N, C-alpha and C. Protein backbone atom coordinates (compact mmCIF):
# COMPACT_ATOMS: atom_id res chain seq x y z
N UNK A 1 -92.80 23.11 169.83
CA UNK A 1 -92.68 21.67 169.80
C UNK A 1 -91.30 21.28 170.29
N UNK A 2 -91.21 20.45 171.27
CA UNK A 2 -89.95 19.97 171.79
C UNK A 2 -89.71 18.57 171.27
N UNK A 3 -88.49 18.35 170.76
CA UNK A 3 -88.15 17.00 170.28
C UNK A 3 -86.89 16.54 170.98
N UNK A 4 -86.82 15.28 171.27
CA UNK A 4 -85.63 14.72 171.90
C UNK A 4 -84.53 14.60 170.86
N UNK A 5 -83.30 14.63 171.29
CA UNK A 5 -82.15 14.55 170.38
C UNK A 5 -82.24 13.29 169.51
N UNK A 6 -82.66 12.20 170.08
CA UNK A 6 -82.72 10.96 169.31
C UNK A 6 -83.77 11.02 168.21
N UNK A 7 -84.74 11.95 168.32
CA UNK A 7 -85.77 12.10 167.29
C UNK A 7 -85.33 13.02 166.16
N UNK A 8 -84.20 13.74 166.36
CA UNK A 8 -83.74 14.69 165.34
C UNK A 8 -83.05 13.93 164.22
N UNK A 9 -83.23 14.36 162.97
CA UNK A 9 -82.58 13.65 161.86
C UNK A 9 -81.06 13.76 161.95
N UNK A 10 -80.36 12.72 161.54
CA UNK A 10 -78.90 12.74 161.51
C UNK A 10 -78.46 13.64 160.36
N UNK A 11 -77.51 14.55 160.62
CA UNK A 11 -77.04 15.48 159.61
C UNK A 11 -75.66 15.06 159.12
N UNK A 12 -75.31 15.53 157.93
CA UNK A 12 -74.05 15.11 157.30
C UNK A 12 -72.84 15.47 158.16
N UNK A 13 -72.81 16.64 158.80
CA UNK A 13 -71.62 17.04 159.55
C UNK A 13 -71.71 16.73 161.03
N UNK A 14 -72.75 16.00 161.47
CA UNK A 14 -72.85 15.58 162.86
C UNK A 14 -71.90 14.41 163.09
N UNK A 15 -71.32 14.34 164.31
CA UNK A 15 -70.52 13.16 164.62
C UNK A 15 -71.43 11.95 164.69
N UNK A 16 -70.90 10.76 164.58
CA UNK A 16 -71.74 9.56 164.66
C UNK A 16 -72.53 9.58 165.96
N UNK A 17 -73.78 9.13 165.90
CA UNK A 17 -74.64 9.14 167.07
C UNK A 17 -74.04 8.24 168.14
N UNK A 18 -73.97 8.78 169.35
CA UNK A 18 -73.47 8.01 170.48
C UNK A 18 -74.49 8.11 171.59
N UNK A 19 -74.46 7.15 172.45
CA UNK A 19 -75.39 7.20 173.56
C UNK A 19 -74.94 8.29 174.53
N UNK A 20 -75.84 9.18 174.94
CA UNK A 20 -75.43 10.26 175.85
C UNK A 20 -75.11 9.67 177.22
N UNK A 21 -74.14 10.30 177.92
CA UNK A 21 -73.84 9.83 179.27
C UNK A 21 -75.07 10.00 180.16
N UNK A 22 -75.10 9.25 181.23
CA UNK A 22 -76.25 9.30 182.13
C UNK A 22 -76.45 10.69 182.72
N UNK A 23 -75.35 11.45 182.90
CA UNK A 23 -75.47 12.78 183.52
C UNK A 23 -75.66 13.88 182.48
N UNK A 24 -76.02 13.55 181.25
CA UNK A 24 -76.21 14.55 180.20
C UNK A 24 -77.65 14.49 179.70
N UNK A 25 -78.28 15.67 179.61
CA UNK A 25 -79.63 15.76 179.07
C UNK A 25 -79.61 16.69 177.87
N UNK A 26 -80.33 16.34 176.83
CA UNK A 26 -80.42 17.16 175.63
C UNK A 26 -81.88 17.44 175.34
N UNK A 27 -82.17 18.72 175.11
CA UNK A 27 -83.51 19.14 174.73
C UNK A 27 -83.40 19.95 173.46
N UNK A 28 -84.24 19.70 172.49
CA UNK A 28 -84.20 20.42 171.22
C UNK A 28 -85.59 20.95 170.89
N UNK A 29 -85.61 22.11 170.26
CA UNK A 29 -86.86 22.74 169.82
C UNK A 29 -86.74 23.04 168.34
N UNK A 30 -87.67 22.53 167.55
CA UNK A 30 -87.67 22.81 166.11
C UNK A 30 -88.18 24.23 165.90
N UNK A 31 -87.47 25.00 165.08
CA UNK A 31 -87.82 26.39 164.78
C UNK A 31 -88.20 26.52 163.31
N UNK A 32 -88.73 27.66 162.94
CA UNK A 32 -89.09 27.91 161.54
C UNK A 32 -87.86 27.79 160.64
N UNK A 33 -88.11 27.43 159.41
CA UNK A 33 -87.05 27.40 158.40
C UNK A 33 -86.07 26.26 158.57
N UNK A 34 -86.38 25.29 159.41
CA UNK A 34 -85.48 24.16 159.59
C UNK A 34 -84.42 24.36 160.66
N UNK A 35 -84.42 25.51 161.33
CA UNK A 35 -83.46 25.76 162.40
C UNK A 35 -83.88 24.98 163.64
N UNK A 36 -82.91 24.67 164.49
CA UNK A 36 -83.18 23.93 165.72
C UNK A 36 -82.44 24.62 166.87
N UNK A 37 -83.14 24.84 167.97
CA UNK A 37 -82.50 25.32 169.21
C UNK A 37 -82.31 24.09 170.08
N UNK A 38 -81.10 23.96 170.63
CA UNK A 38 -80.75 22.75 171.34
C UNK A 38 -80.03 23.12 172.64
N UNK A 39 -80.40 22.47 173.73
CA UNK A 39 -79.71 22.65 175.01
C UNK A 39 -79.16 21.31 175.44
N UNK A 40 -77.87 21.30 175.75
CA UNK A 40 -77.21 20.09 176.24
C UNK A 40 -76.69 20.41 177.64
N UNK A 41 -77.20 19.71 178.62
CA UNK A 41 -76.84 19.96 180.02
C UNK A 41 -76.04 18.78 180.52
N UNK A 42 -74.78 19.04 180.94
CA UNK A 42 -73.92 17.98 181.45
C UNK A 42 -73.24 18.45 182.71
N UNK A 43 -72.45 17.60 183.31
CA UNK A 43 -71.74 17.96 184.54
C UNK A 43 -70.72 19.07 184.29
N UNK A 44 -70.12 19.11 183.09
CA UNK A 44 -69.08 20.12 182.80
C UNK A 44 -69.67 21.49 182.48
N UNK A 45 -70.77 21.52 181.73
CA UNK A 45 -71.33 22.80 181.28
C UNK A 45 -72.71 22.58 180.69
N UNK A 46 -73.42 23.68 180.57
CA UNK A 46 -74.65 23.69 179.79
C UNK A 46 -74.30 24.37 178.48
N UNK A 47 -74.64 23.74 177.36
CA UNK A 47 -74.32 24.30 176.05
C UNK A 47 -75.62 24.52 175.30
N UNK A 48 -75.81 25.74 174.82
CA UNK A 48 -76.98 26.09 174.02
C UNK A 48 -76.52 26.29 172.59
N UNK A 49 -77.20 25.64 171.64
CA UNK A 49 -76.86 25.76 170.22
C UNK A 49 -78.09 26.25 169.47
N UNK A 50 -77.86 27.04 168.44
CA UNK A 50 -78.85 27.25 167.39
C UNK A 50 -78.19 26.68 166.16
N UNK A 51 -78.86 25.70 165.55
CA UNK A 51 -78.30 25.02 164.38
C UNK A 51 -79.07 25.41 163.13
N UNK A 52 -78.31 25.61 162.05
CA UNK A 52 -78.90 25.90 160.74
C UNK A 52 -79.55 24.63 160.20
N UNK A 53 -80.36 24.75 159.17
CA UNK A 53 -80.96 23.55 158.57
C UNK A 53 -79.93 22.50 158.14
N UNK A 54 -78.70 22.92 157.88
CA UNK A 54 -77.63 21.97 157.51
C UNK A 54 -77.11 21.20 158.71
N UNK A 55 -77.46 21.64 159.92
CA UNK A 55 -76.97 21.01 161.13
C UNK A 55 -75.79 21.73 161.75
N UNK A 56 -75.23 22.68 161.04
CA UNK A 56 -74.08 23.43 161.54
C UNK A 56 -74.51 24.36 162.66
N UNK A 57 -73.75 24.39 163.76
CA UNK A 57 -74.04 25.29 164.88
C UNK A 57 -73.65 26.71 164.48
N UNK A 58 -74.62 27.62 164.39
CA UNK A 58 -74.33 29.01 164.01
C UNK A 58 -74.26 29.91 165.23
N UNK A 59 -74.83 29.46 166.34
CA UNK A 59 -74.74 30.19 167.60
C UNK A 59 -74.56 29.17 168.70
N UNK A 60 -73.50 29.32 169.49
CA UNK A 60 -73.24 28.41 170.59
C UNK A 60 -72.91 29.24 171.82
N UNK A 61 -73.55 28.93 172.92
CA UNK A 61 -73.22 29.55 174.20
C UNK A 61 -72.96 28.44 175.21
N UNK A 62 -71.72 28.46 175.76
CA UNK A 62 -71.35 27.50 176.79
C UNK A 62 -71.41 28.21 178.13
N UNK A 63 -72.18 27.68 179.04
CA UNK A 63 -72.29 28.23 180.38
C UNK A 63 -71.40 27.38 181.28
N UNK A 64 -70.19 27.87 181.55
CA UNK A 64 -69.21 27.11 182.32
C UNK A 64 -69.05 27.71 183.72
N UNK A 65 -68.31 27.03 184.56
CA UNK A 65 -68.04 27.54 185.90
C UNK A 65 -67.28 28.86 185.86
N UNK A 66 -66.45 29.07 184.82
CA UNK A 66 -65.68 30.32 184.67
C UNK A 66 -66.52 31.45 184.11
N UNK A 67 -67.66 31.12 183.49
CA UNK A 67 -68.53 32.12 182.89
C UNK A 67 -68.94 31.70 181.50
N UNK A 68 -69.78 32.51 180.84
CA UNK A 68 -70.27 32.13 179.51
C UNK A 68 -69.22 32.32 178.43
N UNK A 69 -69.26 31.44 177.43
CA UNK A 69 -68.42 31.53 176.23
C UNK A 69 -69.37 31.56 175.05
N UNK A 70 -69.26 32.57 174.19
CA UNK A 70 -70.18 32.76 173.08
C UNK A 70 -69.45 32.61 171.75
N UNK A 71 -70.01 31.84 170.83
CA UNK A 71 -69.48 31.68 169.48
C UNK A 71 -70.62 31.96 168.51
N UNK A 72 -70.34 32.80 167.51
CA UNK A 72 -71.35 33.18 166.53
C UNK A 72 -70.74 33.05 165.15
N UNK A 73 -71.45 32.40 164.24
CA UNK A 73 -70.94 32.19 162.89
C UNK A 73 -72.06 32.48 161.90
N UNK A 74 -71.73 33.15 160.81
CA UNK A 74 -72.73 33.43 159.80
C UNK A 74 -72.10 33.89 158.51
N UNK A 75 -72.90 33.97 157.47
CA UNK A 75 -72.43 34.49 156.19
C UNK A 75 -72.01 35.94 156.36
N UNK A 76 -72.78 36.69 157.12
CA UNK A 76 -72.50 38.08 157.40
C UNK A 76 -73.00 38.39 158.81
N UNK A 77 -72.27 39.20 159.55
CA UNK A 77 -72.68 39.59 160.89
C UNK A 77 -72.69 41.10 160.98
N UNK A 78 -73.67 41.64 161.67
CA UNK A 78 -73.76 43.08 161.85
C UNK A 78 -74.13 43.35 163.30
N UNK A 79 -73.42 44.30 163.92
CA UNK A 79 -73.72 44.71 165.29
C UNK A 79 -73.97 46.21 165.24
N UNK A 80 -75.10 46.64 165.76
CA UNK A 80 -75.44 48.07 165.78
C UNK A 80 -75.83 48.45 167.20
N UNK A 81 -75.37 49.60 167.64
CA UNK A 81 -75.72 50.11 168.96
C UNK A 81 -76.12 51.57 168.82
N UNK A 82 -77.19 51.97 169.47
CA UNK A 82 -77.59 53.37 169.45
C UNK A 82 -76.72 54.19 170.39
N UNK A 83 -76.14 53.55 171.38
CA UNK A 83 -75.22 54.19 172.30
C UNK A 83 -73.82 53.66 172.08
N UNK A 84 -73.05 53.54 173.14
CA UNK A 84 -71.68 53.06 173.06
C UNK A 84 -71.63 51.57 172.76
N UNK A 85 -70.59 51.14 172.09
CA UNK A 85 -70.26 49.73 171.91
C UNK A 85 -68.85 49.57 172.44
N UNK A 86 -68.68 48.78 173.47
CA UNK A 86 -67.38 48.63 174.11
C UNK A 86 -66.97 47.17 174.07
N UNK A 87 -65.71 46.93 173.74
CA UNK A 87 -65.12 45.60 173.79
C UNK A 87 -64.02 45.64 174.83
N UNK A 88 -63.98 44.67 175.71
CA UNK A 88 -62.95 44.62 176.73
C UNK A 88 -62.48 43.18 176.84
N UNK A 89 -61.18 42.97 176.80
CA UNK A 89 -60.64 41.62 176.86
C UNK A 89 -59.19 41.68 177.30
N UNK A 90 -58.66 40.55 177.73
CA UNK A 90 -57.23 40.47 178.03
C UNK A 90 -56.41 40.63 176.76
N UNK A 91 -56.93 40.14 175.64
CA UNK A 91 -56.25 40.23 174.34
C UNK A 91 -57.31 40.30 173.27
N UNK A 92 -57.10 41.09 172.23
CA UNK A 92 -58.03 41.20 171.11
C UNK A 92 -57.26 40.90 169.83
N UNK A 93 -57.75 39.96 169.04
CA UNK A 93 -57.14 39.64 167.75
C UNK A 93 -58.24 39.67 166.70
N UNK A 94 -58.03 40.44 165.64
CA UNK A 94 -58.99 40.53 164.54
C UNK A 94 -58.24 40.09 163.28
N UNK A 95 -58.80 39.12 162.58
CA UNK A 95 -58.16 38.59 161.38
C UNK A 95 -59.18 38.60 160.25
N UNK A 96 -58.77 39.06 159.07
CA UNK A 96 -59.64 38.99 157.89
C UNK A 96 -58.91 38.25 156.79
N UNK A 97 -59.66 37.69 155.86
CA UNK A 97 -59.07 37.07 154.68
C UNK A 97 -58.98 38.08 153.55
N UNK A 98 -59.49 39.28 153.76
CA UNK A 98 -59.46 40.33 152.74
C UNK A 98 -59.12 41.66 153.40
N UNK A 99 -59.67 42.73 152.86
CA UNK A 99 -59.38 44.08 153.35
C UNK A 99 -60.07 44.34 154.68
N UNK A 100 -59.59 45.37 155.39
CA UNK A 100 -60.20 45.84 156.63
C UNK A 100 -60.28 47.36 156.56
N UNK A 101 -61.29 47.93 157.17
CA UNK A 101 -61.48 49.38 157.12
C UNK A 101 -62.08 49.85 158.44
N UNK A 102 -61.57 50.96 158.95
CA UNK A 102 -62.15 51.62 160.12
C UNK A 102 -62.54 53.02 159.67
N UNK A 103 -63.80 53.37 159.81
CA UNK A 103 -64.29 54.69 159.42
C UNK A 103 -65.01 55.30 160.61
N UNK A 104 -64.74 56.54 160.91
CA UNK A 104 -65.48 57.20 161.99
C UNK A 104 -65.80 58.63 161.58
N UNK A 105 -66.87 59.16 162.15
CA UNK A 105 -67.31 60.51 161.81
C UNK A 105 -66.62 61.59 162.63
N UNK A 106 -65.79 61.21 163.58
CA UNK A 106 -65.09 62.16 164.44
C UNK A 106 -63.62 61.84 164.50
N UNK A 107 -63.00 62.12 165.63
CA UNK A 107 -61.58 61.84 165.82
C UNK A 107 -61.35 60.36 166.06
N UNK A 108 -60.18 59.88 165.65
CA UNK A 108 -59.79 58.49 165.88
C UNK A 108 -58.47 58.51 166.65
N UNK A 109 -58.43 57.84 167.78
CA UNK A 109 -57.24 57.79 168.60
C UNK A 109 -56.79 56.35 168.75
N UNK A 110 -55.54 56.09 168.43
CA UNK A 110 -54.91 54.79 168.69
C UNK A 110 -53.91 55.03 169.81
N UNK A 111 -54.03 54.30 170.88
CA UNK A 111 -53.15 54.52 172.03
C UNK A 111 -52.69 53.18 172.55
N UNK A 112 -51.39 53.07 172.80
CA UNK A 112 -50.83 51.83 173.35
C UNK A 112 -49.93 52.19 174.52
N UNK A 113 -50.06 51.48 175.62
CA UNK A 113 -49.16 51.70 176.76
C UNK A 113 -47.78 51.14 176.43
N UNK A 114 -47.74 50.14 175.54
CA UNK A 114 -46.47 49.58 175.07
C UNK A 114 -46.16 50.18 173.70
N UNK A 115 -45.39 49.47 172.91
CA UNK A 115 -45.02 49.93 171.57
C UNK A 115 -46.21 49.85 170.62
N UNK A 116 -46.23 50.72 169.62
CA UNK A 116 -47.24 50.70 168.56
C UNK A 116 -46.52 50.40 167.26
N UNK A 117 -46.90 49.32 166.59
CA UNK A 117 -46.25 48.90 165.36
C UNK A 117 -47.26 48.92 164.23
N UNK A 118 -46.86 49.42 163.07
CA UNK A 118 -47.67 49.36 161.86
C UNK A 118 -46.77 48.81 160.77
N UNK A 119 -47.24 47.80 160.08
CA UNK A 119 -46.42 47.17 159.05
C UNK A 119 -47.28 46.89 157.84
N UNK A 120 -46.76 47.16 156.66
CA UNK A 120 -47.48 46.89 155.43
C UNK A 120 -46.56 47.05 154.24
N UNK A 121 -47.03 46.63 153.08
CA UNK A 121 -46.23 46.76 151.86
C UNK A 121 -45.93 48.23 151.58
N UNK A 122 -46.87 49.10 151.78
CA UNK A 122 -46.73 50.54 151.55
C UNK A 122 -47.49 51.26 152.65
N UNK A 123 -47.09 52.48 152.97
CA UNK A 123 -47.82 53.31 153.93
C UNK A 123 -48.08 54.67 153.30
N UNK A 124 -49.28 55.15 153.42
CA UNK A 124 -49.62 56.49 152.95
C UNK A 124 -50.33 57.20 154.09
N UNK A 125 -49.85 58.39 154.43
CA UNK A 125 -50.51 59.22 155.44
C UNK A 125 -50.92 60.50 154.72
N UNK A 126 -52.21 60.82 154.73
CA UNK A 126 -52.72 62.00 154.04
C UNK A 126 -53.53 62.82 155.03
N UNK A 127 -53.21 64.09 155.16
CA UNK A 127 -54.03 65.00 155.93
C UNK A 127 -54.84 65.81 154.92
N UNK A 128 -56.16 65.60 154.87
CA UNK A 128 -56.98 66.29 153.88
C UNK A 128 -57.16 67.76 154.23
N UNK A 129 -57.06 68.09 155.48
CA UNK A 129 -57.08 69.49 155.94
C UNK A 129 -56.11 69.60 157.11
N UNK A 130 -55.14 70.45 157.02
CA UNK A 130 -54.25 70.66 158.17
C UNK A 130 -52.93 69.93 158.04
N UNK A 131 -52.22 69.93 159.15
CA UNK A 131 -50.85 69.46 159.22
C UNK A 131 -50.76 67.97 159.52
N UNK A 132 -49.57 67.43 159.31
CA UNK A 132 -49.18 66.13 159.81
C UNK A 132 -48.07 66.41 160.81
N UNK A 133 -48.26 66.01 162.05
CA UNK A 133 -47.28 66.27 163.10
C UNK A 133 -46.67 64.96 163.56
N UNK A 134 -45.35 65.00 163.77
CA UNK A 134 -44.63 63.86 164.32
C UNK A 134 -43.87 64.39 165.54
N UNK A 135 -44.14 63.81 166.70
CA UNK A 135 -43.45 64.21 167.92
C UNK A 135 -42.88 62.98 168.59
N UNK A 136 -41.71 63.13 169.17
CA UNK A 136 -41.10 62.02 169.89
C UNK A 136 -40.43 62.55 171.15
N UNK A 137 -40.46 61.76 172.20
CA UNK A 137 -39.76 62.12 173.43
C UNK A 137 -38.26 62.07 173.19
N UNK A 138 -37.82 61.16 172.33
CA UNK A 138 -36.40 61.02 171.99
C UNK A 138 -36.22 61.31 170.50
N UNK A 139 -35.30 60.60 169.86
CA UNK A 139 -34.95 60.86 168.46
C UNK A 139 -36.08 60.47 167.51
N UNK A 140 -36.09 61.14 166.34
CA UNK A 140 -36.93 60.75 165.22
C UNK A 140 -35.98 60.25 164.14
N UNK A 141 -36.19 59.04 163.68
CA UNK A 141 -35.31 58.45 162.69
C UNK A 141 -36.10 58.18 161.41
N UNK A 142 -35.56 58.59 160.29
CA UNK A 142 -36.10 58.25 158.98
C UNK A 142 -35.03 57.44 158.27
N UNK A 143 -35.37 56.25 157.88
CA UNK A 143 -34.40 55.38 157.23
C UNK A 143 -35.06 54.86 155.96
N UNK A 144 -34.51 55.22 154.83
CA UNK A 144 -35.08 54.78 153.57
C UNK A 144 -34.05 54.83 152.47
N UNK A 145 -34.37 54.19 151.37
CA UNK A 145 -33.49 54.22 150.20
C UNK A 145 -33.31 55.66 149.74
N UNK A 146 -34.41 56.38 149.66
CA UNK A 146 -34.40 57.82 149.32
C UNK A 146 -35.40 58.50 150.24
N UNK A 147 -35.09 59.71 150.65
CA UNK A 147 -36.04 60.50 151.43
C UNK A 147 -36.27 61.77 150.63
N UNK A 148 -37.49 61.96 150.13
CA UNK A 148 -37.82 63.13 149.32
C UNK A 148 -38.61 64.10 150.18
N UNK A 149 -38.06 65.29 150.42
CA UNK A 149 -38.75 66.33 151.19
C UNK A 149 -39.28 67.39 150.23
N UNK A 150 -40.49 67.85 150.48
CA UNK A 150 -41.13 68.87 149.65
C UNK A 150 -41.15 68.46 148.18
N UNK A 151 -41.36 67.22 147.91
CA UNK A 151 -41.35 66.70 146.56
C UNK A 151 -42.54 65.78 146.39
N UNK A 152 -43.49 66.15 145.52
CA UNK A 152 -44.66 65.29 145.36
C UNK A 152 -44.33 63.96 144.71
N UNK A 153 -43.30 63.91 143.86
CA UNK A 153 -42.91 62.67 143.19
C UNK A 153 -41.43 62.43 143.44
N UNK A 154 -41.01 61.17 143.55
CA UNK A 154 -39.57 60.91 143.68
C UNK A 154 -38.85 61.29 142.40
N UNK A 155 -37.62 61.76 142.50
CA UNK A 155 -36.87 62.13 141.30
C UNK A 155 -36.64 60.92 140.41
N UNK A 156 -36.63 61.12 139.08
CA UNK A 156 -36.44 60.00 138.16
C UNK A 156 -34.99 59.55 138.12
N UNK A 157 -34.78 58.31 137.66
CA UNK A 157 -33.43 57.82 137.40
C UNK A 157 -32.71 57.32 138.63
N UNK A 158 -31.48 56.80 138.40
CA UNK A 158 -30.69 56.27 139.51
C UNK A 158 -30.24 57.42 140.42
N UNK A 159 -30.09 57.12 141.68
CA UNK A 159 -29.75 58.16 142.67
C UNK A 159 -28.38 57.89 143.26
N UNK A 160 -27.38 57.89 142.40
CA UNK A 160 -26.01 57.68 142.84
C UNK A 160 -25.24 58.96 142.56
N UNK A 161 -24.54 59.44 143.55
CA UNK A 161 -23.76 60.67 143.35
C UNK A 161 -22.47 60.32 142.62
N UNK A 162 -22.20 61.05 141.55
CA UNK A 162 -20.96 60.81 140.81
C UNK A 162 -19.82 61.50 141.54
N UNK A 163 -18.56 61.05 141.34
CA UNK A 163 -17.41 61.63 142.05
C UNK A 163 -17.26 63.13 141.80
N UNK A 164 -17.58 63.60 140.58
CA UNK A 164 -17.41 65.05 140.33
C UNK A 164 -18.43 65.87 141.10
N UNK A 165 -19.56 65.30 141.49
CA UNK A 165 -20.55 66.04 142.29
C UNK A 165 -20.10 66.13 143.74
N UNK A 166 -19.20 65.23 144.15
CA UNK A 166 -18.73 65.25 145.52
C UNK A 166 -17.53 66.18 145.71
N UNK A 167 -16.85 66.55 144.61
CA UNK A 167 -15.66 67.40 144.72
C UNK A 167 -16.05 68.81 145.07
N UNK A 168 -15.23 69.53 145.90
CA UNK A 168 -15.56 70.92 146.23
C UNK A 168 -15.51 71.79 144.98
N UNK A 169 -16.43 72.73 144.88
CA UNK A 169 -16.48 73.58 143.69
C UNK A 169 -15.44 74.69 143.78
N UNK A 170 -15.04 75.18 142.58
CA UNK A 170 -14.13 76.32 142.47
C UNK A 170 -12.69 75.95 142.69
N UNK A 171 -12.31 74.70 142.63
CA UNK A 171 -10.95 74.33 142.95
C UNK A 171 -10.23 73.84 141.85
């Protein structure tokens, strides 16, 4: 069933109804569960929406002169591939409001042609089997309040050398 945009009910988060420009056509199809598929064709772009029963666009594809732009929104999203899954972009930014985790069943390689930075409140590196190797083309610098080597726990108490510990022995 195809319904014209003007026949669709006004939703709470929709902008106020305006008359469409003469060069814009809108076609909507009512789907099961109250979802609506909508195509808006204008001089600038063709925009395809899938709207939830609330009216919120959960899938939007803009077909522009530069190419398609895809936006996807949902309570939860899952992408599965039986083969490779590749992402390629000029820039990639991933942001979460909570924790993030990367798990793989094989080797994991992080490689940067520029600098690689890792920053956090604490860092823990654990090798469950085998060595931890650190290699550098130039210097390796460790800078910390205390550096404990071959010590599972940091030594207790303040770490200030007293003057008698600095004096040469046997004198």
